Amino acid sequence: AMRAWVLLSAVLWCLPGVECPRSTLFNTKGFIYGQPGHPEKIYVKVHQNSPVLTCMDFQLAKKEIVDPTYLWIGPNEKILTGNNRINITKTGQLMVKDFLEPLSGLYTCTLSYKTVKGETQEEKTVKKRYDFMVFAYREPDYSYQMAVRFTTKSCIGRYNDMLFRVLKKILDNLVSDLSCHVIEPSYKCHSVEIPEHGLIHELFIAFQVNPFAPGWKGACNGSADCEDITNHNILQARDRIEEFFRSQAYIFYHNFNKPLPAMHFVDHSFQVVRLDSCRPGFGKNEGLHSNCASCCVVCSPGTFSPDVDVTCQTCISVLIYGAKSCPTSNKNRQYED
């Protein structure tokens, strides 16, 4: 037992340079121009302001326009007017504040203007329609699946369980201040034949780390976009755990004057892969949302997502964006193509 504890008592530190999640998909100017006959797909992060949707194409914006009028129609097919959430300028520019799932859908603007012949003053009214498909999205929630290997004297005996429990406890303590914890830990003992070393026993240990330890919402500090905080925390937890095992290798493989203990970390055995999940009402669809393939995009009408899966499922009776349940029987459910 003492050997297992000494094995895991290394000096720990956090690696600098934590990756920052993406915060927006739009250019710095934040203006989106329409294209007649070509709906523009726009992705707006939940609780952020939309870019400015311009009721005009880029070519027309460079020209003189006589007596322009603008008519905006929202996702509910009602005429949009300015209010505390929707801002419409006199030049036909629209911006939605604090974007939420129900605000997703088709935004259509009709531009009417006149052309005037100079010599006859003959007027002609021209109308152009611009469509914008606007979708709410969230960053996926990150977690990490990890695997390591330890040598052991035998596959039989209580010391394997003891090391396994001590390892989980130390890893939990290592990341607890980040509201992260270790879940679904497991291990198996295998006999491994290594060239020039013969047959040895190794523990193959697997576990998952996620940022949803009990009380995790306290880390949000009232933030509406808590996935930014939880993802930042889990990235730090990943780096701490990786550095922990790296330090184990350094301690035991650079101390040439002492023999290796019977139970020790196998150098280069640490493996990690990121797992993404989406909040209910959101999912990933690279085919439908190629410009936001890594995003959790709001489920469209006809689909829903009841849990933290990454796919919106089909439900023909759903008529809203962001549905979290399907009111029909399981017979109508299948995964979205």
C-alpha atoms as a PDB file:
ATOM      1  CA  ALA A   1       0.000   0.000   0.000  1.00  0.00           C
ATOM      2  CA  MET A   2       2.820   2.396   0.853  1.00  0.00           C
ATOM      3  CA  ARG A   3       4.494   1.631  -2.465  1.00  0.00           C
ATOM      4  CA  ALA A   4       1.310   2.587  -4.297  1.00  0.00           C
ATOM      5  CA  TRP A   5       1.070   5.853  -2.375  1.00  0.00           C
ATOM      6  CA  VAL A   6       4.722   6.759  -2.932  1.00  0.00           C
ATOM      7  CA  LEU A   7       4.272   5.945  -6.610  1.00  0.00           C
ATOM      8  CA  LEU A   8       1.526   8.564  -6.919  1.00  0.00           C
ATOM      9  CA  SER A   9       2.989  11.299  -4.701  1.00  0.00           C
ATOM     10  CA  ALA A  10       4.504  13.560  -7.364  1.00  0.00           C
ATOM     11  CA  VAL A  11       4.745  17.338  -7.529  1.00  0.00           C
ATOM     12  CA  LEU A  12       1.939  18.641  -9.741  1.00  0.00           C
ATOM     13  CA  TRP A  13       1.530  21.845 -11.693  1.00  0.00           C
ATOM     14  CA  CYS A  14      -0.762  23.194 -14.420  1.00  0.00           C
ATOM     15  CA  LEU A  15       0.544  23.719 -17.919  1.00  0.00           C
ATOM     16  CA  PRO A  16       0.213  27.291 -19.238  1.00  0.00           C
ATOM     17  CA  GLY A  17      -1.513  28.206 -22.483  1.00  0.00           C
ATOM     18  CA  VAL A  18      -4.951  26.683 -22.008  1.00  0.00           C
ATOM     19  CA  GLU A  19      -6.877  26.539 -25.249  1.00  0.00           C
ATOM     20  CA  CYS A  20      -9.640  29.148 -25.499  1.00  0.00           C
ATOM     21  CA  PRO A  21     -13.004  28.075 -26.941  1.00  0.00           C
ATOM     22  CA  ARG A  22     -14.289  29.865 -30.020  1.00  0.00           C
ATOM     23  CA  SER A  23     -16.685  32.678 -29.138  1.00  0.00           C
ATOM     24  CA  THR A  24     -18.115  33.703 -32.531  1.00  0.00           C
ATOM     25  CA  LEU A  25     -18.384  32.622 -36.158  1.00  0.00           C
ATOM     26  CA  PHE A  26     -18.553  36.055 -37.751  1.00  0.00           C
ATOM     27  CA  ASN A  27     -16.062  38.477 -39.193  1.00  0.00           C
ATOM     28  CA  THR A  28     -14.973  41.476 -37.139  1.00  0.00           C
ATOM     29  CA  LYS A  29     -17.326  43.882 -38.930  1.00  0.00           C
ATOM     30  CA  GLY A  30     -20.307  41.631 -38.193  1.00  0.00           C
ATOM     31  CA  PHE A  31     -22.264  42.596 -41.336  1.00  0.00           C
ATOM     32  CA  ILE A  32     -23.963  39.951 -43.478  1.00  0.00           C
ATOM     33  CA  TYR A  33     -25.269  40.886 -46.921  1.00  0.00           C
ATOM     34  CA  GLY A  34     -28.040  39.002 -48.683  1.00  0.00           C
ATOM     35  CA  GLN A  35     -27.924  37.212 -52.021  1.00  0.00           C
ATOM     36  CA  PRO A  36     -31.110  37.069 -54.126  1.00  0.00           C
ATOM     37  CA  GLY A  37     -32.235  33.454 -54.542  1.00  0.00           C
ATOM     38  CA  HIS A  38     -29.569  32.153 -52.198  1.00  0.00           C
ATOM     39  CA  PRO A  39     -30.497  31.900 -48.492  1.00  0.00           C
ATOM     40  CA  GLU A  40     -27.577  32.739 -46.223  1.00  0.00           C
ATOM     41  CA  LYS A  41     -27.015  30.405 -43.243  1.00  0.00           C
ATOM     42  CA  ILE A  42     -26.081  32.342 -40.123  1.00  0.00           C
ATOM     43  CA  TYR A  43     -25.063  30.841 -36.761  1.00  0.00           C
ATOM     44  CA  VAL A  44     -25.502  32.867 -33.590  1.00  0.00           C
ATOM     45  CA  LYS A  45     -24.237  31.720 -30.228  1.00  0.00           C
ATOM     46  CA  VAL A  46     -26.929  31.512 -27.552  1.00  0.00           C
ATOM     47  CA  HIS A  47     -27.200  34.729 -25.497  1.00  0.00           C
ATOM     48  CA  GLN A  48     -25.021  36.641 -27.973  1.00  0.00           C
ATOM     49  CA  ASN A  49     -26.175  39.328 -30.406  1.00  0.00           C
ATOM     50  CA  SER A  50     -26.635  38.346 -34.016  1.00  0.00           C
ATOM     51  CA  PRO A  51     -24.522  39.930 -36.741  1.00  0.00           C
ATOM     52  CA  VAL A  52     -26.136  42.793 -38.618  1.00  0.00           C
ATOM     53  CA  LEU A  53     -28.315  41.371 -41.395  1.00  0.00           C
ATOM     54  CA  THR A  54     -28.325  43.815 -44.301  1.00  0.00           C
ATOM     55  CA  CYS A  55     -31.382  43.967 -46.546  1.00  0.00           C
ATOM     56  CA  MET A  56     -29.258  44.348 -49.657  1.00  0.00           C
ATOM     57  CA  ASP A  57     -26.626  42.506 -51.638  1.00  0.00           C
ATOM     58  CA  PHE A  58     -23.042  43.674 -51.591  1.00  0.00           C
ATOM     59  CA  GLN A  59     -23.085  44.891 -55.210  1.00  0.00           C
ATOM     60  CA  LEU A  60     -26.225  46.967 -54.718  1.00  0.00           C
ATOM     61  CA  ALA A  61     -24.805  48.516 -51.555  1.00  0.00           C
ATOM     62  CA  LYS A  62     -22.191  50.279 -53.686  1.00  0.00           C
ATOM     63  CA  LYS A  63     -24.829  51.997 -55.826  1.00  0.00           C
ATOM     64  CA  GLU A  64     -27.225  54.915 -55.375  1.00  0.00           C
ATOM     65  CA  ILE A  65     -30.731  53.786 -54.363  1.00  0.00           C
ATOM     66  CA  VAL A  66     -33.840  55.960 -54.746  1.00  0.00           C
ATOM     67  CA  ASP A  67     -36.716  55.809 -52.241  1.00  0.00           C
ATOM     68  CA  PRO A  68     -35.762  52.493 -50.634  1.00  0.00           C
ATOM     69  CA  THR A  69     -38.206  50.745 -48.284  1.00  0.00           C
ATOM     70  CA  TYR A  70     -37.550  47.615 -46.269  1.00  0.00           C
ATOM     71  CA  LEU A  71     -39.960  44.970 -45.010  1.00  0.00           C
ATOM     72  CA  TRP A  72     -38.674  42.300 -42.607  1.00  0.00           C
ATOM     73  CA  ILE A  73     -40.619  39.070 -41.976  1.00  0.00           C
ATOM     74  CA  GLY A  74     -39.601  36.882 -39.010  1.00  0.00           C
ATOM     75  CA  PRO A  75     -39.651  33.099 -38.422  1.00  0.00           C
ATOM     76  CA  ASN A  76     -43.292  33.255 -37.324  1.00  0.00           C
ATOM     77  CA  GLU A  77     -44.179  34.893 -40.692  1.00  0.00           C
ATOM     78  CA  LYS A  78     -45.111  38.105 -38.938  1.00  0.00           C
ATOM     79  CA  ILE A  79     -43.864  41.549 -39.898  1.00  0.00           C
ATOM     80  CA  LEU A  80     -40.953  42.551 -37.687  1.00  0.00           C
ATOM     81  CA  THR A  81     -40.786  45.949 -36.035  1.00  0.00           C
ATOM     82  CA  GLY A  82     -38.180  47.277 -33.690  1.00  0.00           C
ATOM     83  CA  ASN A  83     -38.458  46.330 -30.013  1.00  0.00           C
ATOM     84  CA  ASN A  84     -36.218  45.723 -27.025  1.00  0.00           C
ATOM     85  CA  ARG A  85     -34.827  42.554 -28.646  1.00  0.00           C
ATOM     86  CA  ILE A  86     -34.952  43.285 -32.382  1.00  0.00           C
ATOM     87  CA  ASN A  87     -33.265  46.399 -33.728  1.00  0.00           C
ATOM     88  CA  ILE A  88     -34.147  47.536 -37.263  1.00  0.00           C
ATOM     89  CA  THR A  89     -32.500  50.647 -38.682  1.00  0.00           C
ATOM     90  CA  LYS A  90     -33.929  53.075 -41.253  1.00  0.00           C
ATOM     91  CA  THR A  91     -31.491  51.606 -43.780  1.00  0.00           C
ATOM     92  CA  GLY A  92     -32.940  48.110 -43.403  1.00  0.00           C
ATOM     93  CA  GLN A  93     -30.322  46.583 -41.138  1.00  0.00           C
ATOM     94  CA  LEU A  94     -31.546  44.072 -38.556  1.00  0.00           C
ATOM     95  CA  MET A  95     -29.871  42.779 -35.407  1.00  0.00           C
ATOM     96  CA  VAL A  96     -31.308  40.412 -32.789  1.00  0.00           C
ATOM     97  CA  LYS A  97     -30.086  40.843 -29.217  1.00  0.00           C
ATOM     98  CA  ASP A  98     -29.587  38.003 -26.697  1.00  0.00           C
ATOM     99  CA  PHE A  99     -30.315  35.315 -29.270  1.00  0.00           C
ATOM    100  CA  LEU A 100     -32.239  32.241 -28.066  1.00  0.00           C
ATOM    101  CA  GLU A 101     -33.445  28.978 -29.632  1.00  0.00           C
ATOM    102  CA  PRO A 102     -37.008  30.135 -30.479  1.00  0.00           C
ATOM    103  CA  LEU A 103     -35.585  33.066 -32.464  1.00  0.00           C
ATOM    104  CA  SER A 104     -34.056  30.627 -34.973  1.00  0.00           C
ATOM    105  CA  GLY A 105     -35.570  30.322 -38.419  1.00  0.00           C
ATOM    106  CA  LEU A 106     -36.058  32.153 -41.704  1.00  0.00           C
ATOM    107  CA  TYR A 107     -35.680  35.937 -41.717  1.00  0.00           C
ATOM    108  CA  THR A 108     -36.833  37.480 -45.010  1.00  0.00           C
ATOM    109  CA  CYS A 109     -36.442  41.061 -46.149  1.00  0.00           C
ATOM    110  CA  THR A 110     -38.010  42.648 -49.207  1.00  0.00           C
ATOM    111  CA  LEU A 111     -36.236  45.711 -50.563  1.00  0.00           C
ATOM    112  CA  SER A 112     -38.277  48.054 -52.770  1.00  0.00           C
ATOM    113  CA  TYR A 113     -36.647  50.962 -54.577  1.00  0.00           C
ATOM    114  CA  LYS A 114     -37.090  53.074 -57.727  1.00  0.00           C
ATOM    115  CA  THR A 115     -35.071  53.560 -60.849  1.00  0.00           C
ATOM    116  CA  VAL A 116     -35.530  56.955 -62.502  1.00  0.00           C
ATOM    117  CA  LYS A 117     -34.597  57.693 -66.114  1.00  0.00           C
ATOM    118  CA  GLY A 118     -32.833  61.012 -66.218  1.00  0.00           C
ATOM    119  CA  GLU A 119     -34.234  62.350 -69.488  1.00  0.00           C
ATOM    120  CA  THR A 120     -37.901  61.345 -69.002  1.00  0.00           C
ATOM    121  CA  GLN A 121     -38.071  61.065 -65.216  1.00  0.00           C
ATOM    122  CA  GLU A 122     -39.863  57.793 -65.792  1.00  0.00           C
ATOM    123  CA  GLU A 123     -39.989  55.784 -62.562  1.00  0.00           C
ATOM    124  CA  LYS A 124     -39.902  52.022 -62.186  1.00  0.00           C
ATOM    125  CA  THR A 125     -40.271  50.117 -58.924  1.00  0.00           C
ATOM    126  CA  VAL A 126     -37.854  47.253 -58.326  1.00  0.00           C
ATOM    127  CA  LYS A 127     -38.247  44.618 -55.601  1.00  0.00           C
ATOM    128  CA  LYS A 128     -35.645  42.208 -54.323  1.00  0.00           C
ATOM    129  CA  ARG A 129     -35.974  39.538 -51.669  1.00  0.00           C
ATOM    130  CA  TYR A 130     -33.214  38.360 -49.348  1.00  0.00           C
ATOM    131  CA  ASP A 131     -33.425  35.273 -47.156  1.00  0.00           C
ATOM    132  CA  PHE A 132     -31.374  34.559 -44.046  1.00  0.00           C
ATOM    133  CA  MET A 133     -31.593  31.213 -42.227  1.00  0.00           C
ATOM    134  CA  VAL A 134     -30.492  31.977 -38.674  1.00  0.00           C
ATOM    135  CA  PHE A 135     -29.652  29.193 -36.195  1.00  0.00           C
ATOM    136  CA  ALA A 136     -28.835  29.349 -32.492  1.00  0.00           C
ATOM    137  CA  TYR A 137     -25.842  27.272 -31.469  1.00  0.00           C
ATOM    138  CA  ARG A 138     -23.809  26.312 -28.418  1.00  0.00           C
ATOM    139  CA  GLU A 139     -20.281  25.081 -27.992  1.00  0.00           C
ATOM    140  CA  PRO A 140     -20.259  21.329 -27.270  1.00  0.00           C
ATOM    141  CA  ASP A 141     -19.602  20.236 -23.702  1.00  0.00           C
ATOM    142  CA  TYR A 142     -16.190  18.616 -23.504  1.00  0.00           C
ATOM    143  CA  SER A 143     -15.170  15.566 -21.507  1.00  0.00           C
ATOM    144  CA  TYR A 144     -12.133  13.326 -21.878  1.00  0.00           C
ATOM    145  CA  GLN A 145     -11.735   9.570 -22.066  1.00  0.00           C
ATOM    146  CA  MET A 146      -8.320   8.573 -20.727  1.00  0.00           C
ATOM    147  CA  ALA A 147      -6.333   5.362 -20.445  1.00  0.00           C
ATOM    148  CA  VAL A 148      -3.062   4.456 -18.696  1.00  0.00           C
ATOM    149  CA  ARG A 149      -1.127   1.306 -17.867  1.00  0.00           C
ATOM    150  CA  PHE A 150       0.706   0.235 -14.693  1.00  0.00           C
ATOM    151  CA  THR A 151       2.926  -2.749 -14.128  1.00  0.00           C
ATOM    152  CA  THR A 152       1.984  -5.100 -11.301  1.00  0.00           C
ATOM    153  CA  LYS A 153       3.488  -8.159  -9.663  1.00  0.00           C
ATOM    154  CA  SER A 154       0.458 -10.357 -10.223  1.00  0.00           C
ATOM    155  CA  CYS A 155      -3.074 -10.208 -11.563  1.00  0.00           C
ATOM    156  CA  ILE A 156      -4.210 -11.783  -8.288  1.00  0.00           C
ATOM    157  CA  GLY A 157      -4.279  -9.942  -4.988  1.00  0.00           C
ATOM    158  CA  ARG A 158      -5.662  -6.889  -3.256  1.00  0.00           C
ATOM    159  CA  TYR A 159      -2.838  -4.504  -4.184  1.00  0.00           C
ATOM    160  CA  ASN A 160      -4.258  -3.936  -7.668  1.00  0.00           C
ATOM    161  CA  ASP A 161      -7.583  -2.757  -6.222  1.00  0.00           C
ATOM    162  CA  MET A 162      -5.705  -0.639  -3.711  1.00  0.00           C
ATOM    163  CA  LEU A 163      -3.649   1.131  -6.371  1.00  0.00           C
ATOM    164  CA  PHE A 164      -6.758   1.634  -8.503  1.00  0.00           C
ATOM    165  CA  ARG A 165      -8.667   3.291  -5.625  1.00  0.00           C
ATOM    166  CA  VAL A 166      -5.701   5.462  -4.616  1.00  0.00           C
ATOM    167  CA  LEU A 167      -5.194   6.594  -8.216  1.00  0.00           C
ATOM    168  CA  LYS A 168      -8.845   7.616  -8.597  1.00  0.00           C
ATOM    169  CA  LYS A 169      -8.769   9.512  -5.301  1.00  0.00           C
ATOM    170  CA  ILE A 170      -5.633  11.429  -6.236  1.00  0.00           C
ATOM    171  CA  LEU A 171      -6.947  12.317  -9.696  1.00  0.00           C
ATOM    172  CA  ASP A 172     -10.225  13.531  -8.189  1.00  0.00           C
ATOM    173  CA  ASN A 173      -8.323  15.702  -5.724  1.00  0.00           C
ATOM    174  CA  LEU A 174      -6.148  16.992  -8.537  1.00  0.00           C
ATOM    175  CA  VAL A 175      -9.091  18.483 -10.458  1.00  0.00           C
ATOM    176  CA  SER A 176     -11.738  19.029  -7.763  1.00  0.00           C
ATOM    177  CA  ASP A 177     -11.090  22.799  -7.557  1.00  0.00           C
ATOM    178  CA  LEU A 178     -12.089  22.952 -11.250  1.00  0.00           C
ATOM    179  CA  SER A 179     -15.478  21.293 -10.515  1.00  0.00           C
ATOM    180  CA  CYS A 180     -14.254  18.273 -12.491  1.00  0.00           C
ATOM    181  CA  HIS A 181     -14.272  14.631 -11.428  1.00  0.00           C
ATOM    182  CA  VAL A 182     -13.388  11.118 -12.543  1.00  0.00           C
ATOM    183  CA  ILE A 183     -16.278   8.898 -13.651  1.00  0.00           C
ATOM    184  CA  GLU A 184     -16.656   5.356 -14.994  1.00  0.00           C
ATOM    185  CA  PRO A 185     -13.216   4.154 -13.832  1.00  0.00           C
ATOM    186  CA  SER A 186     -12.326   0.545 -14.628  1.00  0.00           C
ATOM    187  CA  TYR A 187      -9.298  -1.695 -14.963  1.00  0.00           C
ATOM    188  CA  LYS A 188      -8.301  -5.112 -16.235  1.00  0.00           C
ATOM    189  CA  CYS A 189      -5.137  -7.046 -15.607  1.00  0.00           C
ATOM    190  CA  HIS A 190      -3.389  -8.610 -18.613  1.00  0.00           C
ATOM    191  CA  SER A 191      -0.239 -10.611 -19.200  1.00  0.00           C
ATOM    192  CA  VAL A 192       1.965  -8.804 -21.709  1.00  0.00           C
ATOM    193  CA  GLU A 193       4.954 -10.334 -23.468  1.00  0.00           C
ATOM    194  CA  ILE A 194       7.606  -7.701 -24.139  1.00  0.00           C
ATOM    195  CA  PRO A 195      10.634  -8.396 -26.367  1.00  0.00           C
ATOM    196  CA  GLU A 196      13.785  -8.973 -24.285  1.00  0.00           C
ATOM    197  CA  HIS A 197      11.797  -8.619 -21.062  1.00  0.00           C
ATOM    198  CA  GLY A 198       9.624 -11.712 -21.121  1.00  0.00           C
ATOM    199  CA  LEU A 199       6.098 -11.904 -19.712  1.00  0.00           C
ATOM    200  CA  ILE A 200       4.932  -9.190 -17.311  1.00  0.00           C
ATOM    201  CA  HIS A 201       1.579  -8.248 -15.774  1.00  0.00           C
ATOM    202  CA  GLU A 202       0.008  -4.874 -16.472  1.00  0.00           C
ATOM    203  CA  LEU A 203      -3.106  -3.063 -15.298  1.00  0.00           C
ATOM    204  CA  PHE A 204      -5.003  -1.438 -18.168  1.00  0.00           C
ATOM    205  CA  ILE A 205      -6.847   1.457 -16.487  1.00  0.00           C
ATOM    206  CA  ALA A 206      -9.549   3.545 -18.184  1.00  0.00           C
ATOM    207  CA  PHE A 207     -11.574   6.469 -16.876  1.00  0.00           C
ATOM    208  CA  GLN A 208     -13.465   9.543 -18.003  1.00  0.00           C
ATOM    209  CA  VAL A 209     -13.088  13.093 -16.703  1.00  0.00           C
ATOM    210  CA  ASN A 210     -15.910  15.604 -17.024  1.00  0.00           C
ATOM    211  CA  PRO A 211     -16.588  19.110 -15.638  1.00  0.00           C
ATOM    212  CA  PHE A 212     -19.877  18.248 -13.923  1.00  0.00           C
ATOM    213  CA  ALA A 213     -18.824  17.280 -10.415  1.00  0.00           C
ATOM    214  CA  PRO A 214     -21.504  17.845  -7.724  1.00  0.00           C
ATOM    215  CA  GLY A 215     -22.003  21.603  -7.319  1.00  0.00           C
ATOM    216  CA  TRP A 216     -20.493  22.409 -10.734  1.00  0.00           C
ATOM    217  CA  LYS A 217     -23.067  25.144 -11.414  1.00  0.00           C
ATOM    218  CA  GLY A 218     -21.448  27.199  -8.675  1.00  0.00           C
ATOM    219  CA  ALA A 219     -18.478  27.667 -10.999  1.00  0.00           C
ATOM    220  CA  CYS A 220     -20.692  29.418 -13.537  1.00  0.00           C
ATOM    221  CA  ASN A 221     -20.905  32.605 -11.466  1.00  0.00           C
ATOM    222  CA  GLY A 222     -24.311  33.324 -12.954  1.00  0.00           C
ATOM    223  CA  SER A 223     -22.971  33.114 -16.524  1.00  0.00           C
ATOM    224  CA  ALA A 224     -25.556  32.215 -19.163  1.00  0.00           C
ATOM    225  CA  ASP A 225     -22.908  30.562 -21.361  1.00  0.00           C
ATOM    226  CA  CYS A 226     -21.602  28.188 -18.737  1.00  0.00           C
ATOM    227  CA  GLU A 227     -20.157  25.785 -21.296  1.00  0.00           C
ATOM    228  CA  ASP A 228     -17.389  28.328 -21.894  1.00  0.00           C
ATOM    229  CA  ILE A 229     -16.439  28.045 -18.224  1.00  0.00           C
ATOM    230  CA  THR A 230     -16.848  24.273 -17.935  1.00  0.00           C
ATOM    231  CA  ASN A 231     -14.878  23.708 -21.143  1.00  0.00           C
ATOM    232  CA  HIS A 232     -12.111  25.985 -19.881  1.00  0.00           C
ATOM    233  CA  ASN A 233     -12.051  23.991 -16.635  1.00  0.00           C
ATOM    234  CA  ILE A 234     -11.950  20.581 -18.300  1.00  0.00           C
ATOM    235  CA  LEU A 235      -9.081  21.678 -20.539  1.00  0.00           C
ATOM    236  CA  GLN A 236      -7.132  22.639 -17.428  1.00  0.00           C
ATOM    237  CA  ALA A 237      -8.039  19.310 -15.821  1.00  0.00           C
ATOM    238  CA  ARG A 238      -6.805  17.444 -18.899  1.00  0.00           C
ATOM    239  CA  ASP A 239      -3.485  19.296 -18.779  1.00  0.00           C
ATOM    240  CA  ARG A 240      -3.039  18.649 -15.063  1.00  0.00           C
ATOM    241  CA  ILE A 241      -3.677  14.923 -15.425  1.00  0.00           C
ATOM    242  CA  GLU A 242      -1.391  14.665 -18.439  1.00  0.00           C
ATOM    243  CA  GLU A 243       1.374  16.452 -16.541  1.00  0.00           C
ATOM    244  CA  PHE A 244       0.816  14.197 -13.529  1.00  0.00           C
ATOM    245  CA  PHE A 245       1.493  11.048 -15.530  1.00  0.00           C
ATOM    246  CA  ARG A 246       4.375  12.716 -17.330  1.00  0.00           C
ATOM    247  CA  SER A 247       5.931  13.461 -13.940  1.00  0.00           C
ATOM    248  CA  GLN A 248       5.451   9.808 -12.938  1.00  0.00           C
ATOM    249  CA  ALA A 249       7.472   8.714 -15.935  1.00  0.00           C
ATOM    250  CA  TYR A 250      10.175  11.270 -15.184  1.00  0.00           C
ATOM    251  CA  ILE A 251      10.495  10.241 -11.538  1.00  0.00           C
ATOM    252  CA  PHE A 252      10.852   6.521 -12.163  1.00  0.00           C
ATOM    253  CA  TYR A 253      12.657   6.451 -15.485  1.00  0.00           C
ATOM    254  CA  HIS A 254      15.280   9.090 -14.618  1.00  0.00           C
ATOM    255  CA  ASN A 255      16.206   7.726 -11.209  1.00  0.00           C
ATOM    256  CA  PHE A 256      18.777   5.227 -12.472  1.00  0.00           C
ATOM    257  CA  ASN A 257      20.279   4.470  -9.062  1.00  0.00           C
ATOM    258  CA  LYS A 258      17.116   2.864  -7.742  1.00  0.00           C
ATOM    259  CA  PRO A 259      15.277  -0.178  -9.079  1.00  0.00           C
ATOM    260  CA  LEU A 260      11.760   0.349 -10.403  1.00  0.00           C
ATOM    261  CA  PRO A 261       9.011  -0.607  -7.943  1.00  0.00           C
ATOM    262  CA  ALA A 262       6.887  -3.601  -8.857  1.00  0.00           C
ATOM    263  CA  MET A 263       3.905  -1.303  -9.485  1.00  0.00           C
ATOM    264  CA  HIS A 264       4.748   1.698 -11.622  1.00  0.00           C
ATOM    265  CA  PHE A 265       3.398   3.784 -14.491  1.00  0.00           C
ATOM    266  CA  VAL A 266       4.273   2.485 -17.968  1.00  0.00           C
ATOM    267  CA  ASP A 267       5.979   5.279 -19.874  1.00  0.00           C
ATOM    268  CA  HIS A 268       4.116   6.563 -22.983  1.00  0.00           C
ATOM    269  CA  SER A 269       0.984   4.603 -22.054  1.00  0.00           C
ATOM    270  CA  PHE A 270      -1.142   7.703 -21.357  1.00  0.00           C
ATOM    271  CA  GLN A 271      -3.876   8.121 -23.998  1.00  0.00           C
ATOM    272  CA  VAL A 272      -6.590  10.750 -24.176  1.00  0.00           C
ATOM    273  CA  VAL A 273      -9.469  11.490 -26.563  1.00  0.00           C
ATOM    274  CA  ARG A 274     -12.037  14.268 -26.343  1.00  0.00           C
ATOM    275  CA  LEU A 275     -15.734  13.403 -26.189  1.00  0.00           C
ATOM    276  CA  ASP A 276     -18.315  16.021 -27.196  1.00  0.00           C
ATOM    277  CA  SER A 277     -21.909  16.211 -26.046  1.00  0.00           C
ATOM    278  CA  CYS A 278     -24.699  18.694 -26.762  1.00  0.00           C
ATOM    279  CA  ARG A 279     -27.290  20.154 -24.421  1.00  0.00           C
ATOM    280  CA  PRO A 280     -30.916  18.986 -24.880  1.00  0.00           C
ATOM    281  CA  GLY A 281     -32.496  20.668 -27.900  1.00  0.00           C
ATOM    282  CA  PHE A 282     -29.155  20.885 -29.759  1.00  0.00           C
ATOM    283  CA  GLY A 283     -27.142  18.529 -31.942  1.00  0.00           C
ATOM    284  CA  LYS A 284     -24.393  18.226 -34.536  1.00  0.00           C
ATOM    285  CA  ASN A 285     -25.027  17.713 -38.232  1.00  0.00           C
ATOM    286  CA  GLU A 286     -22.007  18.205 -40.461  1.00  0.00           C
ATOM    287  CA  GLY A 287     -24.034  17.702 -43.634  1.00  0.00           C
ATOM    288  CA  LEU A 288     -26.706  20.272 -42.815  1.00  0.00           C
ATOM    289  CA  HIS A 289     -24.424  22.716 -40.998  1.00  0.00           C
ATOM    290  CA  SER A 290     -21.075  22.371 -42.760  1.00  0.00           C
ATOM    291  CA  ASN A 291     -20.104  25.937 -41.837  1.00  0.00           C
ATOM    292  CA  CYS A 292     -20.597  25.106 -38.159  1.00  0.00           C
ATOM    293  CA  ALA A 293     -19.683  21.399 -38.176  1.00  0.00           C
ATOM    294  CA  SER A 294     -18.188  21.395 -34.676  1.00  0.00           C
ATOM    295  CA  CYS A 295     -21.106  23.361 -33.180  1.00  0.00           C
ATOM    296  CA  CYS A 296     -24.112  22.075 -31.297  1.00  0.00           C
ATOM    297  CA  VAL A 297     -26.784  23.683 -33.494  1.00  0.00           C
ATOM    298  CA  VAL A 298     -30.406  24.058 -32.410  1.00  0.00           C
ATOM    299  CA  CYS A 299     -32.599  21.146 -33.537  1.00  0.00           C
ATOM    300  CA  SER A 300     -34.806  22.225 -36.451  1.00  0.00           C
ATOM    301  CA  PRO A 301     -38.575  21.635 -36.665  1.00  0.00           C
ATOM    302  CA  GLY A 302     -39.197  17.954 -37.252  1.00  0.00           C
ATOM    303  CA  THR A 303     -36.340  16.957 -34.939  1.00  0.00           C
ATOM    304  CA  PHE A 304     -35.580  16.891 -31.210  1.00  0.00           C
ATOM    305  CA  SER A 305     -32.850  15.963 -28.741  1.00  0.00           C
ATOM    306  CA  PRO A 306     -33.935  14.840 -25.264  1.00  0.00           C
ATOM    307  CA  ASP A 307     -30.541  14.327 -23.629  1.00  0.00           C
ATOM    308  CA  VAL A 308     -26.829  15.045 -23.973  1.00  0.00           C
ATOM    309  CA  ASP A 309     -26.442  13.099 -27.216  1.00  0.00           C
ATOM    310  CA  VAL A 310     -24.815  14.792 -30.220  1.00  0.00           C
ATOM    311  CA  THR A 311     -27.559  14.030 -32.758  1.00  0.00           C
ATOM    312  CA  CYS A 312     -31.037  15.472 -33.277  1.00  0.00           C
ATOM    313  CA  GLN A 313     -33.590  12.702 -33.833  1.00  0.00           C
ATOM    314  CA  THR A 314     -36.527  12.877 -36.221  1.00  0.00           C
ATOM    315  CA  CYS A 315     -40.029  13.563 -34.874  1.00  0.00           C
ATOM    316  CA  ILE A 316     -42.539  14.699 -37.492  1.00  0.00           C
ATOM    317  CA  SER A 317     -44.872  16.312 -34.947  1.00  0.00           C
ATOM    318  CA  VAL A 318     -42.267  18.807 -33.677  1.00  0.00           C
ATOM    319  CA  LEU A 319     -42.969  22.268 -35.085  1.00  0.00           C
ATOM    320  CA  ILE A 320     -40.474  24.375 -33.125  1.00  0.00           C
ATOM    321  CA  TYR A 321     -36.742  24.947 -32.929  1.00  0.00           C
ATOM    322  CA  GLY A 322     -34.905  23.479 -29.957  1.00  0.00           C
ATOM    323  CA  ALA A 323     -37.378  20.702 -29.099  1.00  0.00           C
ATOM    324  CA  LYS A 324     -36.305  18.483 -26.189  1.00  0.00           C
ATOM    325  CA  SER A 325     -39.059  15.889 -26.498  1.00  0.00           C
ATOM    326  CA  CYS A 326     -41.213  14.158 -29.096  1.00  0.00           C
ATOM    327  CA  PRO A 327     -44.943  13.988 -28.305  1.00  0.00           C
ATOM    328  CA  THR A 328     -45.482  10.949 -30.548  1.00  0.00           C
ATOM    329  CA  SER A 329     -44.685   7.272 -30.087  1.00  0.00           C
ATOM    330  CA  ASN A 330     -41.272   5.745 -30.619  1.00  0.00           C
ATOM    331  CA  LYS A 331     -42.414   4.503 -34.030  1.00  0.00           C
ATOM    332  CA  ASN A 332     -41.926   7.978 -35.490  1.00  0.00           C
ATOM    333  CA  ARG A 333     -38.390   8.382 -34.137  1.00  0.00           C
ATOM    334  CA  GLN A 334     -35.199   7.808 -36.048  1.00  0.00           C
ATOM    335  CA  TYR A 335     -31.870   9.555 -36.311  1.00  0.00           C
ATOM    336  CA  GLU A 336     -31.627  12.633 -38.480  1.00  0.00           C
ATOM    337  CA  ASP A 337     -29.783  12.038 -41.752  1.00  0.00           C
END
